[in-house]
């Protein structure tokens, strides 16, 4: 007899997930903009991209930009490379787009 697990497995956390392309060894940590594939490009001072210090810097930076605690963010894929999938609990994709949609224009003045 097979069990029907449909509806029994769920993740109660609500939020958004988005891809990030990391470029390391930057003069300052900043967003560069959104790439054609939809990934948010972020420059980090830390290196290499897969290092735990670089991942921590990325999460702290994203948390500050999104105005959420760092503990609400998680790198769910790609922690060891430049391309990462980040999930954020408690916000919508529209909020992510509002923050990063015009990152190129806003970052230069900071």
PDB file of N, CA and C in Angstrom:
ATOM      1  N   UNK A   1       0.843  -1.175   0.000  1.00  0.00           N
ATOM      2  CA  UNK A   1       0.000   0.000   0.000  1.00  0.00           C
ATOM      3  C   UNK A   1       0.890   1.242   0.000  1.00  0.00           C
ATOM      4  N   UNK A   2       0.634   2.161  -0.914  1.00  0.00           N
ATOM      5  CA  UNK A   2       1.401   3.401  -0.964  1.00  0.00           C
ATOM      6  C   UNK A   2       0.689   4.484  -0.169  1.00  0.00           C
ATOM      7  N   UNK A   3       1.487   5.374   0.385  1.00  0.00           N
ATOM      8  CA  UNK A   3       0.916   6.469   1.165  1.00  0.00           C
ATOM      9  C   UNK A   3       0.845   7.717   0.295  1.00  0.00           C
ATOM     10  N   UNK A   4      -0.244   8.412   0.378  1.00  0.00           N
ATOM     11  CA  UNK A   4      -0.399   9.667  -0.331  1.00  0.00           C
ATOM     12  C   UNK A   4       0.070  10.786   0.592  1.00  0.00           C
ATOM     13  N   UNK A   5       1.247  11.355   0.307  1.00  0.00           N
ATOM     14  CA  UNK A   5       1.794  12.397   1.153  1.00  0.00           C
ATOM     15  C   UNK A   5       1.424  13.796   0.675  1.00  0.00           C
ATOM     16  N   UNK A   6       0.655  13.875  -0.379  1.00  0.00           N
ATOM     17  CA  UNK A   6       0.276  15.182  -0.887  1.00  0.00           C
ATOM     18  C   UNK A   6      -0.444  15.971   0.204  1.00  0.00           C
ATOM     19  N   UNK A   7       0.058  17.157   0.470  1.00  0.00           N
ATOM     20  CA  UNK A   7      -0.567  17.994   1.488  1.00  0.00           C
ATOM     21  C   UNK A   7      -0.040  17.752   2.887  1.00  0.00           C
ATOM     22  N   UNK A   8       0.726  16.697   3.099  1.00  0.00           N
ATOM     23  CA  UNK A   8       1.231  16.399   4.428  1.00  0.00           C
ATOM     24  C   UNK A   8       2.621  16.982   4.655  1.00  0.00           C
ATOM     25  N   UNK A   9       3.357  17.221   3.587  1.00  0.00           N
ATOM     26  CA  UNK A   9       4.668  17.828   3.705  1.00  0.00           C
ATOM     27  C   UNK A   9       4.542  19.291   3.314  1.00  0.00           C
ATOM     28  N   UNK A  10       4.930  20.160   4.213  1.00  0.00           N
ATOM     29  CA  UNK A  10       4.840  21.578   3.898  1.00  0.00           C
ATOM     30  C   UNK A  10       5.907  22.348   4.652  1.00  0.00           C
ATOM     31  N   UNK A  11       6.145  23.531   4.197  1.00  0.00           N
ATOM     32  CA  UNK A  11       7.066  24.427   4.863  1.00  0.00           C
ATOM     33  C   UNK A  11       6.239  25.612   5.339  1.00  0.00           C
ATOM     34  N   UNK A  12       6.073  25.771   6.626  1.00  0.00           N
ATOM     35  CA  UNK A  12       5.209  26.834   7.129  1.00  0.00           C
ATOM     36  C   UNK A  12       5.795  28.230   6.945  1.00  0.00           C
ATOM     37  N   UNK A  13       7.050  28.305   6.615  1.00  0.00           N
ATOM     38  CA  UNK A  13       7.683  29.608   6.419  1.00  0.00           C
ATOM     39  C   UNK A  13       7.211  30.215   5.104  1.00  0.00           C
ATOM     40  N   UNK A  14       6.878  31.476   5.157  1.00  0.00           N
ATOM     41  CA  UNK A  14       6.472  32.194   3.951  1.00  0.00           C
ATOM     42  C   UNK A  14       7.543  33.222   3.629  1.00  0.00           C
ATOM     43  N   UNK A  15       7.841  33.367   2.373  1.00  0.00           N
ATOM     44  CA  UNK A  15       8.850  34.339   2.012  1.00  0.00           C
ATOM     45  C   UNK A  15       9.149  34.329   0.540  1.00  0.00           C
ATOM     46  N   UNK A  16      10.344  34.771   0.222  1.00  0.00           N
ATOM     47  CA  UNK A  16      10.777  34.888  -1.166  1.00  0.00           C
ATOM     48  C   UNK A  16      12.113  34.194  -1.338  1.00  0.00           C
ATOM     49  N   UNK A  17      12.380  33.774  -2.555  1.00  0.00           N
ATOM     50  CA  UNK A  17      13.674  33.196  -2.903  1.00  0.00           C
ATOM     51  C   UNK A  17      14.145  33.875  -4.174  1.00  0.00           C
ATOM     52  N   UNK A  18      15.439  34.141  -4.237  1.00  0.00           N
ATOM     53  CA  UNK A  18      15.982  34.814  -5.402  1.00  0.00           C
ATOM     54  C   UNK A  18      17.436  34.402  -5.594  1.00  0.00           C
ATOM     55  N   UNK A  19      17.924  34.596  -6.816  1.00  0.00           N
ATOM     56  CA  UNK A  19      19.310  34.233  -7.112  1.00  0.00           C
ATOM     57  C   UNK A  19      20.209  35.460  -7.010  1.00  0.00           C
ATOM     58  N   UNK A  20      21.430  35.189  -6.587  1.00  0.00           N
ATOM     59  CA  UNK A  20      22.429  36.239  -6.432  1.00  0.00           C
ATOM     60  C   UNK A  20      23.703  35.791  -7.139  1.00  0.00           C
ATOM     61  N   UNK A  21      24.309  36.681  -7.898  1.00  0.00           N
ATOM     62  CA  UNK A  21      25.619  36.440  -8.507  1.00  0.00           C
ATOM     63  C   UNK A  21      26.605  37.292  -7.725  1.00  0.00           C
ATOM     64  N   UNK A  22      27.616  36.654  -7.139  1.00  0.00           N
ATOM     65  CA  UNK A  22      28.584  37.341  -6.285  1.00  0.00           C
ATOM     66  C   UNK A  22      29.885  37.591  -7.043  1.00  0.00           C
ATOM     67  N   UNK A  23      30.376  38.809  -6.935  1.00  0.00           N
ATOM     68  CA  UNK A  23      31.686  39.181  -7.443  1.00  0.00           C
ATOM     69  C   UNK A  23      32.489  39.611  -6.220  1.00  0.00           C
ATOM     70  N   UNK A  24      33.660  39.024  -6.029  1.00  0.00           N
ATOM     71  CA  UNK A  24      34.434  39.290  -4.819  1.00  0.00           C
ATOM     72  C   UNK A  24      35.598  40.250  -5.059  1.00  0.00           C
ATOM     73  N   UNK A  25      36.272  40.571  -3.963  1.00  0.00           N
ATOM     74  CA  UNK A  25      37.431  41.480  -3.957  1.00  0.00           C
ATOM     75  C   UNK A  25      37.066  42.884  -4.427  1.00  0.00           C
ATOM     76  N   UNK A  26      35.882  43.341  -4.069  1.00  0.00           N
ATOM     77  CA  UNK A  26      35.449  44.686  -4.431  1.00  0.00           C
ATOM     78  C   UNK A  26      35.981  45.695  -3.419  1.00  0.00           C
ATOM     79  N   UNK A  27      35.995  46.947  -3.817  1.00  0.00           N
ATOM     80  CA  UNK A  27      36.409  48.022  -2.916  1.00  0.00           C
ATOM     81  C   UNK A  27      35.393  48.180  -1.796  1.00  0.00           C
ATOM     82  N   UNK A  28      34.105  48.035  -2.126  1.00  0.00           N
ATOM     83  CA  UNK A  28      33.055  48.072  -1.114  1.00  0.00           C
ATOM     84  C   UNK A  28      31.962  47.079  -1.481  1.00  0.00           C
ATOM     85  N   UNK A  29      31.208  46.673  -0.472  1.00  0.00           N
ATOM     86  CA  UNK A  29      30.092  45.760  -0.695  1.00  0.00           C
ATOM     87  C   UNK A  29      28.907  46.584  -1.184  1.00  0.00           C
ATOM     88  N   UNK A  30      28.355  46.164  -2.336  1.00  0.00           N
ATOM     89  CA  UNK A  30      27.257  46.909  -2.942  1.00  0.00           C
ATOM     90  C   UNK A  30      26.529  46.057  -3.970  1.00  0.00           C
ATOM     91  N   UNK A  31      25.311  46.467  -4.294  1.00  0.00           N
ATOM     92  CA  UNK A  31      24.605  45.818  -5.391  1.00  0.00           C
ATOM     93  C   UNK A  31      24.981  46.545  -6.678  1.00  0.00           C
ATOM     94  N   UNK A  32      25.049  45.772  -7.749  1.00  0.00           N
ATOM     95  CA  UNK A  32      25.412  46.331  -9.040  1.00  0.00           C
ATOM     96  C   UNK A  32      24.175  46.488  -9.907  1.00  0.00           C
ATOM     97  N   UNK A  33      23.198  45.640  -9.697  1.00  0.00           N
ATOM     98  CA  UNK A  33      21.972  45.674 -10.482  1.00  0.00           C
ATOM     99  C   UNK A  33      21.432  44.277 -10.678  1.00  0.00           C
ATOM    100  N   UNK A  34      20.492  44.163 -11.575  1.00  0.00           N
ATOM    101  CA  UNK A  34      19.873  42.885 -11.882  1.00  0.00           C
ATOM    102  C   UNK A  34      20.329  42.462 -13.264  1.00  0.00           C
ATOM    103  N   UNK A  35      20.834  41.238 -13.362  1.00  0.00           N
ATOM    104  CA  UNK A  35      21.315  40.709 -14.640  1.00  0.00           C
ATOM    105  C   UNK A  35      20.157  40.288 -15.529  1.00  0.00           C
ATOM    106  N   UNK A  36      20.446  40.019 -16.786  1.00  0.00           N
ATOM    107  CA  UNK A  36      19.419  39.604 -17.735  1.00  0.00           C
ATOM    108  C   UNK A  36      18.669  38.356 -17.277  1.00  0.00           C
ATOM    109  N   UNK A  37      19.367  37.450 -16.583  1.00  0.00           N
ATOM    110  CA  UNK A  37      18.728  36.222 -16.125  1.00  0.00           C
ATOM    111  C   UNK A  37      17.942  36.413 -14.832  1.00  0.00           C
ATOM    112  N   UNK A  38      17.902  37.646 -14.305  1.00  0.00           N
ATOM    113  CA  UNK A  38      17.137  37.940 -13.100  1.00  0.00           C
ATOM    114  C   UNK A  38      17.934  37.870 -11.813  1.00  0.00           C
ATOM    115  N   UNK A  39      19.184  37.442 -11.889  1.00  0.00           N
ATOM    116  CA  UNK A  39      20.021  37.357 -10.690  1.00  0.00           C
ATOM    117  C   UNK A  39      20.437  38.755 -10.241  1.00  0.00           C
ATOM    118  N   UNK A  40      20.444  38.957  -8.941  1.00  0.00           N
ATOM    119  CA  UNK A  40      20.914  40.213  -8.374  1.00  0.00           C
ATOM    120  C   UNK A  40      22.425  40.118  -8.251  1.00  0.00           C
ATOM    121  N   UNK A  41      23.126  41.059  -8.852  1.00  0.00           N
ATOM    122  CA  UNK A  41      24.589  41.038  -8.818  1.00  0.00           C
ATOM    123  C   UNK A  41      25.068  41.863  -7.634  1.00  0.00           C
ATOM    124  N   UNK A  42      25.902  41.228  -6.784  1.00  0.00           N
ATOM    125  CA  UNK A  42      26.411  41.878  -5.585  1.00  0.00           C
ATOM    126  C   UNK A  42      27.928  41.794  -5.571  1.00  0.00           C
ATOM    127  N   UNK A  43      28.555  42.929  -5.333  1.00  0.00           N
ATOM    128  CA  UNK A  43      30.005  42.968  -5.140  1.00  0.00           C
ATOM    129  C   UNK A  43      30.279  42.856  -3.648  1.00  0.00           C
ATOM    130  N   UNK A  44      31.235  41.987  -3.286  1.00  0.00           N
ATOM    131  CA  UNK A  44      31.630  41.796  -1.889  1.00  0.00           C
ATOM    132  C   UNK A  44      33.100  42.114  -1.712  1.00  0.00           C
ATOM    133  N   UNK A  45      33.442  42.651  -0.556  1.00  0.00           N
ATOM    134  CA  UNK A  45      34.853  42.870  -0.229  1.00  0.00           C
ATOM    135  C   UNK A  45      35.539  41.539   0.044  1.00  0.00           C
ATOM    136  N   UNK A  46      34.822  40.620   0.670  1.00  0.00           N
ATOM    137  CA  UNK A  46      35.387  39.318   1.050  1.00  0.00           C
ATOM    138  C   UNK A  46      35.631  38.446  -0.180  1.00  0.00           C
ATOM    139  N   UNK A  47      36.490  37.444  -0.014  1.00  0.00           N
ATOM    140  CA  UNK A  47      36.750  36.474  -1.076  1.00  0.00           C
ATOM    141  C   UNK A  47      37.276  35.202  -0.447  1.00  0.00           C
ATOM    142  N   UNK A  48      37.237  34.077  -1.106  1.00  0.00           N
ATOM    143  CA  UNK A  48      36.526  33.816  -2.359  1.00  0.00           C
ATOM    144  C   UNK A  48      35.017  33.721  -2.132  1.00  0.00           C
ATOM    145  N   UNK A  49      34.261  33.643  -3.221  1.00  0.00           N
ATOM    146  CA  UNK A  49      32.802  33.684  -3.149  1.00  0.00           C
ATOM    147  C   UNK A  49      32.208  32.560  -2.307  1.00  0.00           C
ATOM    148  N   UNK A  50      32.834  31.400  -2.282  1.00  0.00           N
ATOM    149  CA  UNK A  50      32.304  30.265  -1.537  1.00  0.00           C
ATOM    150  C   UNK A  50      32.777  30.182  -0.100  1.00  0.00           C
ATOM    151  N   UNK A  51      33.579  31.130   0.332  1.00  0.00           N
ATOM    152  CA  UNK A  51      34.105  31.141   1.687  1.00  0.00           C
ATOM    153  C   UNK A  51      33.000  31.508   2.681  1.00  0.00           C
ATOM    154  N   UNK A  52      33.073  30.967   3.886  1.00  0.00           N
ATOM    155  CA  UNK A  52      32.039  31.251   4.879  1.00  0.00           C
ATOM    156  C   UNK A  52      31.991  32.734   5.240  1.00  0.00           C
ATOM    157  N   UNK A  53      33.140  33.412   5.245  1.00  0.00           N
ATOM    158  CA  UNK A  53      33.152  34.848   5.538  1.00  0.00           C
ATOM    159  C   UNK A  53      32.431  35.638   4.445  1.00  0.00           C
ATOM    160  N   UNK A  54      32.603  35.246   3.198  1.00  0.00           N
ATOM    161  CA  UNK A  54      31.915  35.917   2.096  1.00  0.00           C
ATOM    162  C   UNK A  54      30.409  35.666   2.168  1.00  0.00           C
ATOM    163  N   UNK A  55      30.014  34.443   2.494  1.00  0.00           N
ATOM    164  CA  UNK A  55      28.592  34.134   2.635  1.00  0.00           C
ATOM    165  C   UNK A  55      27.973  34.928   3.780  1.00  0.00           C
ATOM    166  N   UNK A  56      28.696  35.050   4.884  1.00  0.00           N
ATOM    167  CA  UNK A  56      28.203  35.815   6.028  1.00  0.00           C
ATOM    168  C   UNK A  56      28.076  37.294   5.655  1.00  0.00           C
ATOM    169  N   UNK A  57      29.068  37.824   4.955  1.00  0.00           N
ATOM    170  CA  UNK A  57      29.013  39.222   4.509  1.00  0.00           C
ATOM    171  C   UNK A  57      27.812  39.446   3.595  1.00  0.00           C
ATOM    172  N   UNK A  58      27.580  38.503   2.680  1.00  0.00           N
ATOM    173  CA  UNK A  58      26.438  38.607   1.765  1.00  0.00           C
ATOM    174  C   UNK A  58      25.123  38.626   2.530  1.00  0.00           C
ATOM    175  N   UNK A  59      24.945  37.698   3.464  1.00  0.00           N
ATOM    176  CA  UNK A  59      23.685  37.632   4.209  1.00  0.00           C
ATOM    177  C   UNK A  59      23.468  38.882   5.045  1.00  0.00           C
ATOM    178  N   UNK A  60      24.510  39.395   5.672  1.00  0.00           N
ATOM    179  CA  UNK A  60      24.377  40.626   6.462  1.00  0.00           C
ATOM    180  C   UNK A  60      24.000  41.809   5.576  1.00  0.00           C
ATOM    181  N   UNK A  61      24.631  41.889   4.412  1.00  0.00           N
ATOM    182  CA  UNK A  61      24.344  42.961   3.471  1.00  0.00           C
ATOM    183  C   UNK A  61      22.897  42.880   2.981  1.00  0.00           C
ATOM    184  N   UNK A  62      22.468  41.691   2.561  1.00  0.00           N
ATOM    185  CA  UNK A  62      21.096  41.518   2.069  1.00  0.00           C
ATOM    186  C   UNK A  62      20.075  41.798   3.164  1.00  0.00           C
ATOM    187  N   UNK A  63      20.358  41.356   4.387  1.00  0.00           N
ATOM    188  CA  UNK A  63      19.449  41.594   5.512  1.00  0.00           C
ATOM    189  C   UNK A  63      19.273  43.094   5.752  1.00  0.00           C
ATOM    190  N   UNK A  64      20.372  43.827   5.696  1.00  0.00           N
ATOM    191  CA  UNK A  64      20.298  45.276   5.900  1.00  0.00           C
ATOM    192  C   UNK A  64      19.486  45.941   4.788  1.00  0.00           C
ATOM    193  N   UNK A  65      19.728  45.534   3.546  1.00  0.00           N
ATOM    194  CA  UNK A  65      19.002  46.116   2.419  1.00  0.00           C
ATOM    195  C   UNK A  65      17.505  45.801   2.473  1.00  0.00           C
ATOM    196  N   UNK A  66      17.179  44.570   2.910  1.00  0.00           N
ATOM    197  CA  UNK A  66      15.785  44.143   2.953  1.00  0.00           C
ATOM    198  C   UNK A  66      15.103  44.480   4.282  1.00  0.00           C
ATOM    199  N   UNK A  67      15.885  45.007   5.216  1.00  0.00           N
ATOM    200  CA  UNK A  67      15.369  45.397   6.523  1.00  0.00           C
ATOM    201  C   UNK A  67      14.741  44.213   7.280  1.00  0.00           C
ATOM    202  N   UNK A  68      15.464  43.103   7.285  1.00  0.00           N
ATOM    203  CA  UNK A  68      15.045  41.911   8.031  1.00  0.00           C
ATOM    204  C   UNK A  68      16.236  41.403   8.836  1.00  0.00           C
ATOM    205  N   UNK A  69      15.996  40.655   9.911  1.00  0.00           N
ATOM    206  CA  UNK A  69      17.118  40.075  10.658  1.00  0.00           C
ATOM    207  C   UNK A  69      17.867  39.050   9.807  1.00  0.00           C
ATOM    208  N   UNK A  70      19.162  38.941  10.029  1.00  0.00           N
ATOM    209  CA  UNK A  70      19.995  37.993   9.279  1.00  0.00           C
ATOM    210  C   UNK A  70      19.458  36.573   9.422  1.00  0.00           C
ATOM    211  N   UNK A  71      18.915  36.241  10.586  1.00  0.00           N
ATOM    212  CA  UNK A  71      18.424  34.875  10.813  1.00  0.00           C
ATOM    213  C   UNK A  71      17.241  34.511   9.910  1.00  0.00           C
ATOM    214  N   UNK A  72      16.646  35.486   9.238  1.00  0.00           N
ATOM    215  CA  UNK A  72      15.537  35.227   8.310  1.00  0.00           C
ATOM    216  C   UNK A  72      16.033  34.857   6.915  1.00  0.00           C
ATOM    217  N   UNK A  73      17.346  34.987   6.677  1.00  0.00           N
ATOM    218  CA  UNK A  73      17.921  34.664   5.375  1.00  0.00           C
ATOM    219  C   UNK A  73      18.690  33.359   5.437  1.00  0.00           C
ATOM    220  N   UNK A  74      18.710  32.676   4.312  1.00  0.00           N
ATOM    221  CA  UNK A  74      19.459  31.419   4.218  1.00  0.00           C
ATOM    222  C   UNK A  74      19.918  31.216   2.780  1.00  0.00           C
ATOM    223  N   UNK A  75      21.152  30.797   2.620  1.00  0.00           N
ATOM    224  CA  UNK A  75      21.629  30.386   1.301  1.00  0.00           C
ATOM    225  C   UNK A  75      21.233  28.925   1.158  1.00  0.00           C
ATOM    226  N   UNK A  76      20.264  28.655   0.310  1.00  0.00           N
ATOM    227  CA  UNK A  76      19.737  27.298   0.188  1.00  0.00           C
ATOM    228  C   UNK A  76      20.434  26.492  -0.906  1.00  0.00           C
ATOM    229  N   UNK A  77      21.138  27.173  -1.788  1.00  0.00           N
ATOM    230  CA  UNK A  77      21.908  26.484  -2.831  1.00  0.00           C
ATOM    231  C   UNK A  77      23.042  27.391  -3.276  1.00  0.00           C
ATOM    232  N   UNK A  78      24.164  26.775  -3.610  1.00  0.00           N
ATOM    233  CA  UNK A  78      25.284  27.507  -4.151  1.00  0.00           C
ATOM    234  C   UNK A  78      26.204  28.161  -3.135  1.00  0.00           C
ATOM    235  N   UNK A  79      26.161  27.729  -1.898  1.00  0.00           N
ATOM    236  CA  UNK A  79      26.992  28.344  -0.860  1.00  0.00           C
ATOM    237  C   UNK A  79      28.476  28.288  -1.201  1.00  0.00           C
ATOM    238  N   UNK A  80      28.893  27.312  -1.989  1.00  0.00           N
ATOM    239  CA  UNK A  80      30.297  27.164  -2.320  1.00  0.00           C
ATOM    240  C   UNK A  80      30.729  27.848  -3.610  1.00  0.00           C
ATOM    241  N   UNK A  81      29.825  28.582  -4.258  1.00  0.00           N
ATOM    242  CA  UNK A  81      30.164  29.196  -5.532  1.00  0.00           C
ATOM    243  C   UNK A  81      29.714  30.638  -5.641  1.00  0.00           C
ATOM    244  N   UNK A  82      29.787  31.178  -6.854  1.00  0.00           N
ATOM    245  CA  UNK A  82      29.396  32.572  -7.106  1.00  0.00           C
ATOM    246  C   UNK A  82      27.890  32.748  -7.233  1.00  0.00           C
ATOM    247  N   UNK A  83      27.220  31.744  -7.776  1.00  0.00           N
ATOM    248  CA  UNK A  83      25.772  31.815  -7.985  1.00  0.00           C
ATOM    249  C   UNK A  83      25.069  31.148  -6.818  1.00  0.00           C
ATOM    250  N   UNK A  84      24.203  31.907  -6.137  1.00  0.00           N
ATOM    251  CA  UNK A  84      23.560  31.408  -4.927  1.00  0.00           C
ATOM    252  C   UNK A  84      22.051  31.606  -5.006  1.00  0.00           C
ATOM    253  N   UNK A  85      21.333  30.708  -4.376  1.00  0.00           N
ATOM    254  CA  UNK A  85      19.896  30.863  -4.206  1.00  0.00           C
ATOM    255  C   UNK A  85      19.672  31.221  -2.748  1.00  0.00           C
ATOM    256  N   UNK A  86      19.077  32.379  -2.521  1.00  0.00           N
ATOM    257  CA  UNK A  86      18.861  32.886  -1.170  1.00  0.00           C
ATOM    258  C   UNK A  86      17.365  32.919  -0.892  1.00  0.00           C
ATOM    259  N   UNK A  87      16.973  32.419   0.274  1.00  0.00           N
ATOM    260  CA  UNK A  87      15.574  32.521   0.678  1.00  0.00           C
ATOM    261  C   UNK A  87      15.484  33.480   1.853  1.00  0.00           C
ATOM    262  N   UNK A  88      14.373  34.215   1.895  1.00  0.00           N
ATOM    263  CA  UNK A  88      14.125  35.178   2.955  1.00  0.00           C
ATOM    264  C   UNK A  88      12.726  34.927   3.503  1.00  0.00           C
ATOM    265  N   UNK A  89      12.652  34.701   4.765  1.00  0.00           N
ATOM    266  CA  UNK A  89      11.374  34.456   5.430  1.00  0.00           C
ATOM    267  C   UNK A  89      10.716  35.791   5.776  1.00  0.00           C
ATOM    268  N   UNK A  90       9.432  35.878   5.514  1.00  0.00           N
ATOM    269  CA  UNK A  90       8.661  37.023   5.977  1.00  0.00           C
ATOM    270  C   UNK A  90       8.546  38.198   5.028  1.00  0.00           C
ATOM    271  N   UNK A  91       9.011  38.054   3.784  1.00  0.00           N
ATOM    272  CA  UNK A  91       8.823  39.118   2.799  1.00  0.00           C
ATOM    273  C   UNK A  91       8.322  38.513   1.503  1.00  0.00           C
ATOM    274  N   UNK A  92       7.873  39.361   0.612  1.00  0.00           N
ATOM    275  CA  UNK A  92       7.359  38.890  -0.674  1.00  0.00           C
ATOM    276  C   UNK A  92       8.372  39.159  -1.781  1.00  0.00           C
ATOM    277  N   UNK A  93       8.168  38.518  -2.901  1.00  0.00           N
ATOM    278  CA  UNK A  93       9.040  38.773  -4.052  1.00  0.00           C
ATOM    279  C   UNK A  93       8.893  40.223  -4.518  1.00  0.00           C
ATOM    280  N   UNK A  94       7.701  40.794  -4.358  1.00  0.00           N
ATOM    281  CA  UNK A  94       7.487  42.194  -4.732  1.00  0.00           C
ATOM    282  C   UNK A  94       8.360  43.122  -3.885  1.00  0.00           C
ATOM    283  N   UNK A  95       8.534  42.789  -2.611  1.00  0.00           N
ATOM    284  CA  UNK A  95       9.398  43.600  -1.744  1.00  0.00           C
ATOM    285  C   UNK A  95      10.859  43.485  -2.179  1.00  0.00           C
ATOM    286  N   UNK A  96      11.268  42.290  -2.570  1.00  0.00           N
ATOM    287  CA  UNK A  96      12.643  42.102  -3.054  1.00  0.00           C
ATOM    288  C   UNK A  96      12.849  42.924  -4.318  1.00  0.00           C
ATOM    289  N   UNK A  97      11.900  42.866  -5.235  1.00  0.00           N
ATOM    290  CA  UNK A  97      12.002  43.628  -6.472  1.00  0.00           C
ATOM    291  C   UNK A  97      12.020  45.125  -6.206  1.00  0.00           C
ATOM    292  N   UNK A  98      11.242  45.579  -5.225  1.00  0.00           N
ATOM    293  CA  UNK A  98      11.216  47.003  -4.892  1.00  0.00           C
ATOM    294  C   UNK A  98      12.572  47.477  -4.379  1.00  0.00           C
ATOM    295  N   UNK A  99      13.252  46.639  -3.619  1.00  0.00           N
ATOM    296  CA  UNK A  99      14.551  47.010  -3.056  1.00  0.00           C
ATOM    297  C   UNK A  99      15.658  46.942  -4.101  1.00  0.00           C
ATOM    298  N   UNK A 100      15.686  45.887  -4.884  1.00  0.00           N
ATOM    299  CA  UNK A 100      16.814  45.663  -5.791  1.00  0.00           C
ATOM    300  C   UNK A 100      16.542  46.025  -7.245  1.00  0.00           C
ATOM    301  N   UNK A 101      15.326  46.348  -7.584  1.00  0.00           N
ATOM    302  CA  UNK A 101      14.982  46.652  -8.966  1.00  0.00           C
ATOM    303  C   UNK A 101      15.734  47.828  -9.537  1.00  0.00           C
ATOM    304  N   UNK A 102      16.054  48.819  -8.691  1.00  0.00           N
ATOM    305  CA  UNK A 102      16.772  49.995  -9.161  1.00  0.00           C
ATOM    306  C   UNK A 102      18.066  50.177  -8.388  1.00  0.00           C
ATOM    307  N   UNK A 103      18.688  49.077  -8.013  1.00  0.00           N
ATOM    308  CA  UNK A 103      19.898  49.129  -7.192  1.00  0.00           C
ATOM    309  C   UNK A 103      21.020  49.903  -7.856  1.00  0.00           C
ATOM    310  N   UNK A 104      21.107  49.854  -9.165  1.00  0.00           N
ATOM    311  CA  UNK A 104      22.201  50.527  -9.852  1.00  0.00           C
ATOM    312  C   UNK A 104      22.135  52.034  -9.639  1.00  0.00           C
ATOM    313  N   UNK A 105      20.937  52.597  -9.655  1.00  0.00           N
ATOM    314  CA  UNK A 105      20.784  54.042  -9.490  1.00  0.00           C
ATOM    315  C   UNK A 105      21.032  54.473  -8.052  1.00  0.00           C
ATOM    316  N   UNK A 106      20.634  53.696  -7.085  1.00  0.00           N
ATOM    317  CA  UNK A 106      20.684  54.090  -5.673  1.00  0.00           C
ATOM    318  C   UNK A 106      22.049  53.914  -5.037  1.00  0.00           C
ATOM    319  N   UNK A 107      22.827  52.951  -5.459  1.00  0.00           N
ATOM    320  CA  UNK A 107      24.040  52.575  -4.745  1.00  0.00           C
ATOM    321  C   UNK A 107      25.166  53.583  -4.886  1.00  0.00           C
ATOM    322  N   UNK A 108      25.214  54.329  -5.955  1.00  0.00           N
ATOM    323  CA  UNK A 108      26.343  55.200  -6.208  1.00  0.00           C
ATOM    324  C   UNK A 108      26.491  56.291  -5.156  1.00  0.00           C
ATOM    325  N   UNK A 109      25.400  56.713  -4.540  1.00  0.00           N
ATOM    326  CA  UNK A 109      25.443  57.808  -3.579  1.00  0.00           C
ATOM    327  C   UNK A 109      25.800  57.370  -2.169  1.00  0.00           C
ATOM    328  N   UNK A 110      25.810  56.079  -1.883  1.00  0.00           N
ATOM    329  CA  UNK A 110      26.061  55.601  -0.530  1.00  0.00           C
ATOM    330  C   UNK A 110      27.503  55.670  -0.142  1.00  0.00           C
TER     331      UNK A 110
END
